[in-house]
C-alpha cells in the first residue's frame, strides 16, 4: 500500500496505483469547489503528480 497526500495535507492510502492514476486523470478537470476553496480538479492534479512520480520509480 502507498500513502500520498491530497492538496489539504490529508493522507490518502492507495492500494491500486494504476486505478488511482486513472481516477485522477478522469477528475483533474473538475471545476467543483471543495470546502477548502480548491477545486476537485486541482486536488486530483496535485495527487496525480505524486502518483506518476511513484509509477516512474517502480518502472
N, C-alpha and C. Protein backbone atom coordinates (compact mmCIF):
# COMPACT_ATOMS: atom_id res chain seq x y z
N UNK A 1 0.85 -1.18 0.00
CA UNK A 1 0.00 0.00 0.00
C UNK A 1 0.89 1.24 0.00
N UNK A 2 0.44 2.25 -0.71
CA UNK A 2 1.17 3.51 -0.84
C UNK A 2 0.34 4.61 -0.18
N UNK A 3 1.00 5.54 0.46
CA UNK A 3 0.30 6.68 1.05
C UNK A 3 0.79 7.96 0.39
N UNK A 4 -0.17 8.79 -0.06
CA UNK A 4 0.14 10.09 -0.63
C UNK A 4 -0.65 11.13 0.16
N UNK A 5 -0.45 12.39 -0.17
CA UNK A 5 -1.19 13.49 0.47
C UNK A 5 -2.08 14.16 -0.57
N UNK A 6 -3.24 14.62 -0.11
CA UNK A 6 -4.06 15.43 -1.02
C UNK A 6 -3.67 16.88 -0.83
N UNK A 7 -4.33 17.78 -1.52
CA UNK A 7 -3.96 19.19 -1.52
C UNK A 7 -4.13 19.85 -0.14
N UNK A 8 -4.95 19.23 0.71
CA UNK A 8 -5.15 19.78 2.06
C UNK A 8 -4.16 19.22 3.07
N UNK A 9 -3.37 18.22 2.64
CA UNK A 9 -2.41 17.59 3.54
C UNK A 9 -2.91 16.31 4.16
N UNK A 10 -4.13 15.91 3.85
CA UNK A 10 -4.69 14.66 4.38
C UNK A 10 -4.02 13.47 3.70
N UNK A 11 -3.80 12.40 4.44
CA UNK A 11 -3.20 11.19 3.91
C UNK A 11 -4.23 10.37 3.13
N UNK A 12 -3.81 9.87 1.98
CA UNK A 12 -4.65 9.04 1.13
C UNK A 12 -3.91 7.72 0.94
N UNK A 13 -4.56 6.62 1.26
CA UNK A 13 -3.96 5.31 1.06
C UNK A 13 -4.35 4.78 -0.31
N UNK A 14 -3.35 4.37 -1.08
CA UNK A 14 -3.56 3.87 -2.44
C UNK A 14 -3.22 2.39 -2.47
N UNK A 15 -4.19 1.58 -2.86
CA UNK A 15 -3.95 0.14 -2.96
C UNK A 15 -3.72 -0.31 -4.39
N UNK A 16 -4.19 0.46 -5.38
CA UNK A 16 -4.02 0.13 -6.79
C UNK A 16 -3.52 1.38 -7.51
N UNK A 17 -2.23 1.44 -7.74
CA UNK A 17 -1.60 2.63 -8.32
C UNK A 17 -2.18 2.98 -9.68
N UNK A 18 -2.34 1.99 -10.55
CA UNK A 18 -2.86 2.27 -11.90
C UNK A 18 -4.30 2.81 -11.85
N UNK A 19 -5.12 2.23 -10.99
CA UNK A 19 -6.51 2.70 -10.87
C UNK A 19 -6.55 4.12 -10.30
N UNK A 20 -5.68 4.42 -9.35
CA UNK A 20 -5.64 5.76 -8.76
C UNK A 20 -5.21 6.79 -9.80
N UNK A 21 -4.23 6.43 -10.63
CA UNK A 21 -3.80 7.33 -11.69
C UNK A 21 -4.94 7.58 -12.67
N UNK A 22 -5.63 6.54 -13.05
CA UNK A 22 -6.76 6.68 -13.98
C UNK A 22 -7.85 7.57 -13.38
N UNK A 23 -8.17 7.37 -12.11
CA UNK A 23 -9.20 8.18 -11.45
C UNK A 23 -8.80 9.65 -11.40
N UNK A 24 -7.54 9.91 -11.09
CA UNK A 24 -7.08 11.30 -11.04
C UNK A 24 -7.14 11.95 -12.42
N UNK A 25 -6.79 11.20 -13.46
CA UNK A 25 -6.86 11.73 -14.82
C UNK A 25 -8.30 12.08 -15.20
N UNK A 26 -9.24 11.24 -14.77
CA UNK A 26 -10.65 11.49 -15.08
C UNK A 26 -11.19 12.72 -14.37
N UNK A 27 -10.68 13.01 -13.18
CA UNK A 27 -11.25 14.08 -12.35
C UNK A 27 -10.45 15.38 -12.35
N UNK A 28 -9.29 15.40 -13.01
CA UNK A 28 -8.42 16.57 -12.89
C UNK A 28 -8.97 17.84 -13.53
N UNK A 29 -10.00 17.73 -14.34
CA UNK A 29 -10.59 18.90 -14.96
C UNK A 29 -11.88 19.37 -14.27
N UNK A 30 -12.19 18.75 -13.14
CA UNK A 30 -13.41 19.11 -12.42
C UNK A 30 -13.30 20.54 -11.86
N UNK A 31 -14.35 21.30 -12.03
CA UNK A 31 -14.37 22.68 -11.56
C UNK A 31 -15.12 22.84 -10.23
N UNK A 32 -15.59 21.75 -9.67
CA UNK A 32 -16.35 21.83 -8.42
C UNK A 32 -15.45 22.21 -7.25
N UNK A 33 -15.94 23.10 -6.42
CA UNK A 33 -15.17 23.60 -5.28
C UNK A 33 -15.25 22.66 -4.09
N UNK A 34 -14.13 22.53 -3.41
CA UNK A 34 -14.07 21.80 -2.14
C UNK A 34 -14.26 22.82 -1.03
N UNK A 35 -14.57 22.39 0.18
CA UNK A 35 -14.72 23.33 1.30
C UNK A 35 -13.47 24.19 1.55
N UNK A 36 -12.30 23.71 1.12
CA UNK A 36 -11.06 24.46 1.32
C UNK A 36 -10.89 25.61 0.35
N UNK A 37 -11.73 25.65 -0.70
CA UNK A 37 -11.61 26.68 -1.73
C UNK A 37 -10.91 26.20 -2.98
N UNK A 38 -10.19 25.09 -2.88
CA UNK A 38 -9.58 24.49 -4.07
C UNK A 38 -10.67 23.77 -4.86
N UNK A 39 -10.39 23.54 -6.13
CA UNK A 39 -11.33 22.74 -6.91
C UNK A 39 -10.96 21.26 -6.78
N UNK A 40 -11.92 20.41 -7.06
CA UNK A 40 -11.67 18.97 -7.06
C UNK A 40 -10.59 18.66 -8.09
N UNK A 41 -10.62 19.36 -9.21
CA UNK A 41 -9.61 19.16 -10.26
C UNK A 41 -8.22 19.50 -9.79
N UNK A 42 -8.07 20.60 -9.06
CA UNK A 42 -6.76 20.97 -8.52
C UNK A 42 -6.25 19.88 -7.59
N UNK A 43 -7.14 19.34 -6.77
CA UNK A 43 -6.77 18.29 -5.83
C UNK A 43 -6.31 17.03 -6.58
N UNK A 44 -7.07 16.63 -7.59
CA UNK A 44 -6.70 15.43 -8.33
C UNK A 44 -5.42 15.64 -9.14
N UNK A 45 -5.21 16.81 -9.68
CA UNK A 45 -3.97 17.09 -10.41
C UNK A 45 -2.78 17.04 -9.45
N UNK A 46 -2.96 17.56 -8.24
CA UNK A 46 -1.92 17.52 -7.21
C UNK A 46 -1.55 16.08 -6.87
N UNK A 47 -2.56 15.24 -6.67
CA UNK A 47 -2.31 13.84 -6.34
C UNK A 47 -1.74 13.09 -7.53
N UNK A 48 -2.18 13.43 -8.75
CA UNK A 48 -1.70 12.77 -9.95
C UNK A 48 -0.20 12.94 -10.11
N UNK A 49 0.32 14.12 -9.81
CA UNK A 49 1.77 14.34 -9.91
C UNK A 49 2.52 13.38 -8.99
N UNK A 50 2.02 13.18 -7.78
CA UNK A 50 2.65 12.26 -6.85
C UNK A 50 2.58 10.82 -7.35
N UNK A 51 1.42 10.43 -7.84
CA UNK A 51 1.21 9.07 -8.31
C UNK A 51 2.08 8.75 -9.52
N UNK A 52 2.18 9.69 -10.45
CA UNK A 52 3.01 9.46 -11.64
C UNK A 52 4.48 9.35 -11.27
N UNK A 53 4.92 10.12 -10.28
CA UNK A 53 6.30 10.03 -9.80
C UNK A 53 6.54 8.63 -9.20
N UNK A 54 5.61 8.16 -8.40
CA UNK A 54 5.73 6.82 -7.82
C UNK A 54 5.75 5.75 -8.89
N UNK A 55 4.93 5.91 -9.91
CA UNK A 55 4.86 4.94 -11.01
C UNK A 55 6.21 4.86 -11.72
N UNK A 56 6.83 6.02 -11.97
CA UNK A 56 8.14 6.04 -12.64
C UNK A 56 9.20 5.35 -11.78
N UNK A 57 9.11 5.52 -10.47
CA UNK A 57 10.08 4.90 -9.58
C UNK A 57 9.94 3.37 -9.59
N UNK A 58 8.75 2.88 -9.85
CA UNK A 58 8.51 1.44 -9.87
C UNK A 58 8.97 0.79 -11.17
N UNK A 59 9.12 1.58 -12.21
CA UNK A 59 9.50 1.01 -13.52
C UNK A 59 10.97 0.64 -13.58
